[in-house]
Amino acid sequence: MPFEVAIVDPPEVPTYIWIAEKALHLKELNMNPNQIAVTLQVDRTTVLRALRWVKSIPVYATGPFRKA
């Protein structure tokens, strides 16, 4: 029984996942998100997403998950 398969590249890992551990380490050194962003050469939003992801908080959290 012949069949066809499309071979595709795996999806690229989002930047916030790549920097998550580094961002958490810098956060533990009492750096704020702006300082972390400059250090890791990303924007502040990416740092916030990384910190939420590493703490298992939904990345696009709204409502009761969001802390002001």
PDB file of N, CA and C in Angstrom:
ATOM      1  N   MET A   1       0.849  -1.169   0.000  1.00  0.00           N
ATOM      2  CA  MET A   1       0.000   0.000   0.000  1.00  0.00           C
ATOM      3  C   MET A   1       0.903   1.244   0.000  1.00  0.00           C
ATOM      4  N   PRO A   2       1.002   1.966  -1.086  1.00  0.00           N
ATOM      5  CA  PRO A   2       1.846   3.161  -1.149  1.00  0.00           C
ATOM      6  C   PRO A   2       1.214   4.341  -0.399  1.00  0.00           C
ATOM      7  N   PHE A   3       2.072   5.187   0.139  1.00  0.00           N
ATOM      8  CA  PHE A   3       1.590   6.395   0.821  1.00  0.00           C
ATOM      9  C   PHE A   3       2.626   7.498   0.671  1.00  0.00           C
ATOM     10  N   GLU A   4       2.199   8.740   0.892  1.00  0.00           N
ATOM     11  CA  GLU A   4       3.093   9.887   0.802  1.00  0.00           C
ATOM     12  C   GLU A   4       3.183  10.563   2.154  1.00  0.00           C
ATOM     13  N   VAL A   5       4.369  11.094   2.430  1.00  0.00           N
ATOM     14  CA  VAL A   5       4.598  11.787   3.695  1.00  0.00           C
ATOM     15  C   VAL A   5       5.316  13.092   3.394  1.00  0.00           C
ATOM     16  N   ALA A   6       4.852  14.164   3.988  1.00  0.00           N
ATOM     17  CA  ALA A   6       5.533  15.442   3.842  1.00  0.00           C
ATOM     18  C   ALA A   6       6.597  15.550   4.931  1.00  0.00           C
ATOM     19  N   ILE A   7       7.833  15.804   4.529  1.00  0.00           N
ATOM     20  CA  ILE A   7       8.919  15.972   5.485  1.00  0.00           C
ATOM     21  C   ILE A   7       9.097  17.467   5.713  1.00  0.00           C
ATOM     22  N   VAL A   8       8.919  17.884   6.949  1.00  0.00           N
ATOM     23  CA  VAL A   8       9.023  19.303   7.287  1.00  0.00           C
ATOM     24  C   VAL A   8       9.994  19.474   8.445  1.00  0.00           C
ATOM     25  N   ASP A   9      10.537  20.668   8.546  1.00  0.00           N
ATOM     26  CA  ASP A   9      11.404  20.985   9.674  1.00  0.00           C
ATOM     27  C   ASP A   9      10.564  21.140  10.931  1.00  0.00           C
ATOM     28  N   PRO A  10      11.081  20.721  12.066  1.00  0.00           N
ATOM     29  CA  PRO A  10      10.324  20.919  13.307  1.00  0.00           C
ATOM     30  C   PRO A  10      10.171  22.415  13.578  1.00  0.00           C
ATOM     31  N   PRO A  11       9.088  22.799  14.249  1.00  0.00           N
ATOM     32  CA  PRO A  11       8.886  24.224  14.536  1.00  0.00           C
ATOM     33  C   PRO A  11      10.010  24.770  15.425  1.00  0.00           C
ATOM     34  N   GLU A  12      10.325  26.024  15.210  1.00  0.00           N
ATOM     35  CA  GLU A  12      11.372  26.677  15.989  1.00  0.00           C
ATOM     36  C   GLU A  12      10.892  26.923  17.417  1.00  0.00           C
ATOM     37  N   VAL A  13      11.758  26.693  18.385  1.00  0.00           N
ATOM     38  CA  VAL A  13      11.415  26.902  19.785  1.00  0.00           C
ATOM     39  C   VAL A  13      11.328  28.406  20.047  1.00  0.00           C
ATOM     40  N   PRO A  14      10.255  28.866  20.692  1.00  0.00           N
ATOM     41  CA  PRO A  14      10.126  30.297  20.972  1.00  0.00           C
ATOM     42  C   PRO A  14      11.291  30.819  21.829  1.00  0.00           C
ATOM     43  N   THR A  15      11.640  32.073  21.605  1.00  0.00           N
ATOM     44  CA  THR A  15      12.761  32.687  22.316  1.00  0.00           C
ATOM     45  C   THR A  15      12.567  32.646  23.816  1.00  0.00           C
ATOM     46  N   TYR A  16      11.319  32.881  24.279  1.00  0.00           N
ATOM     47  CA  TYR A  16      11.111  32.917  25.726  1.00  0.00           C
ATOM     48  C   TYR A  16      11.442  31.591  26.397  1.00  0.00           C
ATOM     49  N   ILE A  17      11.302  30.496  25.671  1.00  0.00           N
ATOM     50  CA  ILE A  17      11.667  29.195  26.243  1.00  0.00           C
ATOM     51  C   ILE A  17      13.186  29.050  26.299  1.00  0.00           C
ATOM     52  N   TRP A  18      13.884  29.552  25.265  1.00  0.00           N
ATOM     53  CA  TRP A  18      15.341  29.474  25.246  1.00  0.00           C
ATOM     54  C   TRP A  18      15.966  30.245  26.402  1.00  0.00           C
ATOM     55  N   ILE A  19      15.374  31.400  26.750  1.00  0.00           N
ATOM     56  CA  ILE A  19      16.002  32.253  27.764  1.00  0.00           C
ATOM     57  C   ILE A  19      15.442  32.036  29.162  1.00  0.00           C
ATOM     58  N   ALA A  20      14.460  31.166  29.325  1.00  0.00           N
ATOM     59  CA  ALA A  20      13.734  31.030  30.593  1.00  0.00           C
ATOM     60  C   ALA A  20      14.650  30.773  31.789  1.00  0.00           C
ATOM     61  N   GLU A  21      15.550  29.817  31.686  1.00  0.00           N
ATOM     62  CA  GLU A  21      16.419  29.490  32.817  1.00  0.00           C
ATOM     63  C   GLU A  21      17.379  30.642  33.139  1.00  0.00           C
ATOM     64  N   LYS A  22      17.918  31.272  32.103  1.00  0.00           N
ATOM     65  CA  LYS A  22      18.819  32.403  32.324  1.00  0.00           C
ATOM     66  C   LYS A  22      18.070  33.569  32.957  1.00  0.00           C
ATOM     67  N   ALA A  23      16.850  33.818  32.466  1.00  0.00           N
ATOM     68  CA  ALA A  23      16.043  34.915  33.007  1.00  0.00           C
ATOM     69  C   ALA A  23      15.707  34.669  34.477  1.00  0.00           C
ATOM     70  N   LEU A  24      15.377  33.434  34.813  1.00  0.00           N
ATOM     71  CA  LEU A  24      15.067  33.098  36.205  1.00  0.00           C
ATOM     72  C   LEU A  24      16.297  33.294  37.087  1.00  0.00           C
ATOM     73  N   HIS A  25      17.443  32.873  36.613  1.00  0.00           N
ATOM     74  CA  HIS A  25      18.679  33.046  37.377  1.00  0.00           C
ATOM     75  C   HIS A  25      18.946  34.533  37.641  1.00  0.00           C
ATOM     76  N   LEU A  26      18.795  35.356  36.610  1.00  0.00           N
ATOM     77  CA  LEU A  26      19.024  36.788  36.774  1.00  0.00           C
ATOM     78  C   LEU A  26      17.972  37.411  37.697  1.00  0.00           C
ATOM     79  N   LYS A  27      16.751  36.913  37.634  1.00  0.00           N
ATOM     80  CA  LYS A  27      15.689  37.400  38.535  1.00  0.00           C
ATOM     81  C   LYS A  27      16.043  37.072  39.988  1.00  0.00           C
ATOM     82  N   GLU A  28      16.615  35.898  40.202  1.00  0.00           N
ATOM     83  CA  GLU A  28      17.033  35.506  41.550  1.00  0.00           C
ATOM     84  C   GLU A  28      18.202  36.355  42.052  1.00  0.00           C
ATOM     85  N   LEU A  29      18.916  36.989  41.136  1.00  0.00           N
ATOM     86  CA  LEU A  29      19.993  37.917  41.498  1.00  0.00           C
ATOM     87  C   LEU A  29      19.465  39.338  41.681  1.00  0.00           C
ATOM     88  N   ASN A  30      18.137  39.450  41.798  1.00  0.00           N
ATOM     89  CA  ASN A  30      17.430  40.716  42.040  1.00  0.00           C
ATOM     90  C   ASN A  30      17.519  41.713  40.891  1.00  0.00           C
ATOM     91  N   MET A  31      17.616  41.205  39.661  1.00  0.00           N
ATOM     92  CA  MET A  31      17.548  42.097  38.504  1.00  0.00           C
ATOM     93  C   MET A  31      16.086  42.251  38.112  1.00  0.00           C
ATOM     94  N   ASN A  32      15.705  43.448  37.675  1.00  0.00           N
ATOM     95  CA  ASN A  32      14.328  43.643  37.232  1.00  0.00           C
ATOM     96  C   ASN A  32      14.203  43.235  35.757  1.00  0.00           C
ATOM     97  N   PRO A  33      12.967  43.074  35.261  1.00  0.00           N
ATOM     98  CA  PRO A  33      12.776  42.612  33.880  1.00  0.00           C
ATOM     99  C   PRO A  33      13.471  43.482  32.829  1.00  0.00           C
ATOM    100  N   ASN A  34      13.522  44.787  33.047  1.00  0.00           N
ATOM    101  CA  ASN A  34      14.210  45.656  32.082  1.00  0.00           C
ATOM    102  C   ASN A  34      15.705  45.352  32.040  1.00  0.00           C
ATOM    103  N   GLN A  35      16.315  45.167  33.184  1.00  0.00           N
ATOM    104  CA  GLN A  35      17.746  44.850  33.234  1.00  0.00           C
ATOM    105  C   GLN A  35      18.023  43.478  32.613  1.00  0.00           C
ATOM    106  N   ILE A  36      17.140  42.526  32.880  1.00  0.00           N
ATOM    107  CA  ILE A  36      17.292  41.189  32.307  1.00  0.00           C
ATOM    108  C   ILE A  36      17.191  41.262  30.782  1.00  0.00           C
ATOM    109  N   ALA A  37      16.241  42.041  30.292  1.00  0.00           N
ATOM    110  CA  ALA A  37      16.053  42.188  28.848  1.00  0.00           C
ATOM    111  C   ALA A  37      17.300  42.744  28.181  1.00  0.00           C
ATOM    112  N   VAL A  38      17.890  43.757  28.782  1.00  0.00           N
ATOM    113  CA  VAL A  38      19.109  44.345  28.217  1.00  0.00           C
ATOM    114  C   VAL A  38      20.240  43.323  28.246  1.00  0.00           C
ATOM    115  N   THR A  39      20.382  42.611  29.341  1.00  0.00           N
ATOM    116  CA  THR A  39      21.446  41.621  29.481  1.00  0.00           C
ATOM    117  C   THR A  39      21.319  40.495  28.454  1.00  0.00           C
ATOM    118  N   LEU A  40      20.092  40.010  28.250  1.00  0.00           N
ATOM    119  CA  LEU A  40      19.870  38.886  27.334  1.00  0.00           C
ATOM    120  C   LEU A  40      19.582  39.335  25.902  1.00  0.00           C
ATOM    121  N   GLN A  41      19.555  40.642  25.675  1.00  0.00           N
ATOM    122  CA  GLN A  41      19.321  41.225  24.361  1.00  0.00           C
ATOM    123  C   GLN A  41      17.990  40.794  23.747  1.00  0.00           C
ATOM    124  N   VAL A  42      16.944  40.871  24.577  1.00  0.00           N
ATOM    125  CA  VAL A  42      15.577  40.627  24.133  1.00  0.00           C
ATOM    126  C   VAL A  42      14.719  41.757  24.678  1.00  0.00           C
ATOM    127  N   ASP A  43      13.437  41.767  24.320  1.00  0.00           N
ATOM    128  CA  ASP A  43      12.585  42.815  24.874  1.00  0.00           C
ATOM    129  C   ASP A  43      11.984  42.372  26.203  1.00  0.00           C
ATOM    130  N   ARG A  44      11.450  43.331  26.920  1.00  0.00           N
ATOM    131  CA  ARG A  44      10.920  43.100  28.267  1.00  0.00           C
ATOM    132  C   ARG A  44       9.782  42.086  28.253  1.00  0.00           C
ATOM    133  N   THR A  45       8.945  42.143  27.223  1.00  0.00           N
ATOM    134  CA  THR A  45       7.819  41.213  27.118  1.00  0.00           C
ATOM    135  C   THR A  45       8.297  39.770  27.030  1.00  0.00           C
ATOM    136  N   THR A  46       9.370  39.544  26.302  1.00  0.00           N
ATOM    137  CA  THR A  46       9.925  38.195  26.185  1.00  0.00           C
ATOM    138  C   THR A  46      10.426  37.704  27.536  1.00  0.00           C
ATOM    139  N   VAL A  47      11.026  38.593  28.298  1.00  0.00           N
ATOM    140  CA  VAL A  47      11.498  38.233  29.644  1.00  0.00           C
ATOM    141  C   VAL A  47      10.307  37.865  30.526  1.00  0.00           C
ATOM    142  N   LEU A  48       9.254  38.652  30.489  1.00  0.00           N
ATOM    143  CA  LEU A  48       8.080  38.354  31.309  1.00  0.00           C
ATOM    144  C   LEU A  48       7.450  37.025  30.909  1.00  0.00           C
ATOM    145  N   ARG A  49       7.370  36.762  29.619  1.00  0.00           N
ATOM    146  CA  ARG A  49       6.848  35.469  29.157  1.00  0.00           C
ATOM    147  C   ARG A  49       7.724  34.324  29.649  1.00  0.00           C
ATOM    148  N   ALA A  50       9.034  34.509  29.587  1.00  0.00           N
ATOM    149  CA  ALA A  50       9.965  33.466  30.031  1.00  0.00           C
ATOM    150  C   ALA A  50       9.784  33.174  31.520  1.00  0.00           C
ATOM    151  N   LEU A  51       9.672  34.226  32.319  1.00  0.00           N
ATOM    152  CA  LEU A  51       9.506  34.035  33.761  1.00  0.00           C
ATOM    153  C   LEU A  51       8.175  33.374  34.086  1.00  0.00           C
ATOM    154  N   ARG A  52       7.136  33.719  33.362  1.00  0.00           N
ATOM    155  CA  ARG A  52       5.839  33.071  33.575  1.00  0.00           C
ATOM    156  C   ARG A  52       5.903  31.613  33.148  1.00  0.00           C
ATOM    157  N   TRP A  53       6.566  31.348  32.023  1.00  0.00           N
ATOM    158  CA  TRP A  53       6.640  29.985  31.510  1.00  0.00           C
ATOM    159  C   TRP A  53       7.409  29.085  32.471  1.00  0.00           C
ATOM    160  N   VAL A  54       8.529  29.559  32.971  1.00  0.00           N
ATOM    161  CA  VAL A  54       9.360  28.750  33.854  1.00  0.00           C
ATOM    162  C   VAL A  54       8.661  28.495  35.194  1.00  0.00           C
ATOM    163  N   LYS A  55       7.746  29.369  35.575  1.00  0.00           N
ATOM    164  CA  LYS A  55       6.984  29.174  36.811  1.00  0.00           C
ATOM    165  C   LYS A  55       5.651  28.478  36.550  1.00  0.00           C
ATOM    166  N   SER A  56       5.437  28.016  35.318  1.00  0.00           N
ATOM    167  CA  SER A  56       4.229  27.303  34.891  1.00  0.00           C
ATOM    168  C   SER A  56       2.964  28.150  35.007  1.00  0.00           C
ATOM    169  N   ILE A  57       3.094  29.435  34.825  1.00  0.00           N
ATOM    170  CA  ILE A  57       1.935  30.324  34.757  1.00  0.00           C
ATOM    171  C   ILE A  57       1.648  30.520  33.275  1.00  0.00           C
ATOM    172  N   PRO A  58       0.389  30.458  32.848  1.00  0.00           N
ATOM    173  CA  PRO A  58       0.095  30.627  31.427  1.00  0.00           C
ATOM    174  C   PRO A  58       0.745  31.893  30.875  1.00  0.00           C
ATOM    175  N   VAL A  59       1.358  31.777  29.704  1.00  0.00           N
ATOM    176  CA  VAL A  59       2.111  32.879  29.108  1.00  0.00           C
ATOM    177  C   VAL A  59       1.224  34.070  28.827  1.00  0.00           C
ATOM    178  N   TYR A  60       0.034  33.824  28.320  1.00  0.00           N
ATOM    179  CA  TYR A  60      -0.881  34.914  28.002  1.00  0.00           C
ATOM    180  C   TYR A  60      -1.979  34.973  29.059  1.00  0.00           C
ATOM    181  N   ALA A  61      -1.577  35.022  30.294  1.00  0.00           N
ATOM    182  CA  ALA A  61      -2.518  34.972  31.421  1.00  0.00           C
ATOM    183  C   ALA A  61      -3.342  36.253  31.519  1.00  0.00           C
ATOM    184  N   THR A  62      -4.608  36.052  31.778  1.00  0.00           N
ATOM    185  CA  THR A  62      -5.506  37.151  32.079  1.00  0.00           C
ATOM    186  C   THR A  62      -6.384  36.693  33.229  1.00  0.00           C
ATOM    187  N   GLY A  63      -7.121  37.584  33.774  1.00  0.00           N
ATOM    188  CA  GLY A  63      -8.039  37.216  34.844  1.00  0.00           C
ATOM    189  C   GLY A  63      -7.331  36.856  36.128  1.00  0.00           C
ATOM    190  N   PRO A  64      -7.758  35.761  36.811  1.00  0.00           N
ATOM    191  CA  PRO A  64      -7.234  35.451  38.133  1.00  0.00           C
ATOM    192  C   PRO A  64      -5.750  35.078  38.154  1.00  0.00           C
ATOM    193  N   PHE A  65      -5.161  34.686  36.994  1.00  0.00           N
ATOM    194  CA  PHE A  65      -3.758  34.315  36.970  1.00  0.00           C
ATOM    195  C   PHE A  65      -2.843  35.549  37.010  1.00  0.00           C
ATOM    196  N   ARG A  66      -3.351  36.635  36.510  1.00  0.00           N
ATOM    197  CA  ARG A  66      -2.525  37.834  36.362  1.00  0.00           C
ATOM    198  C   ARG A  66      -2.361  38.542  37.703  1.00  0.00           C
ATOM    199  N   LYS A  67      -1.143  38.880  38.051  1.00  0.00           N
ATOM    200  CA  LYS A  67      -0.867  39.606  39.283  1.00  0.00           C
ATOM    201  C   LYS A  67      -0.417  41.004  38.924  1.00  0.00           C
ATOM    202  N   ALA A  68      -0.995  41.986  39.584  1.00  0.00           N
ATOM    203  CA  ALA A  68      -0.640  43.375  39.287  1.00  0.00           C
ATOM    204  C   ALA A  68       0.548  43.818  40.103  1.00  0.00           C
TER     205      ALA A  68
END
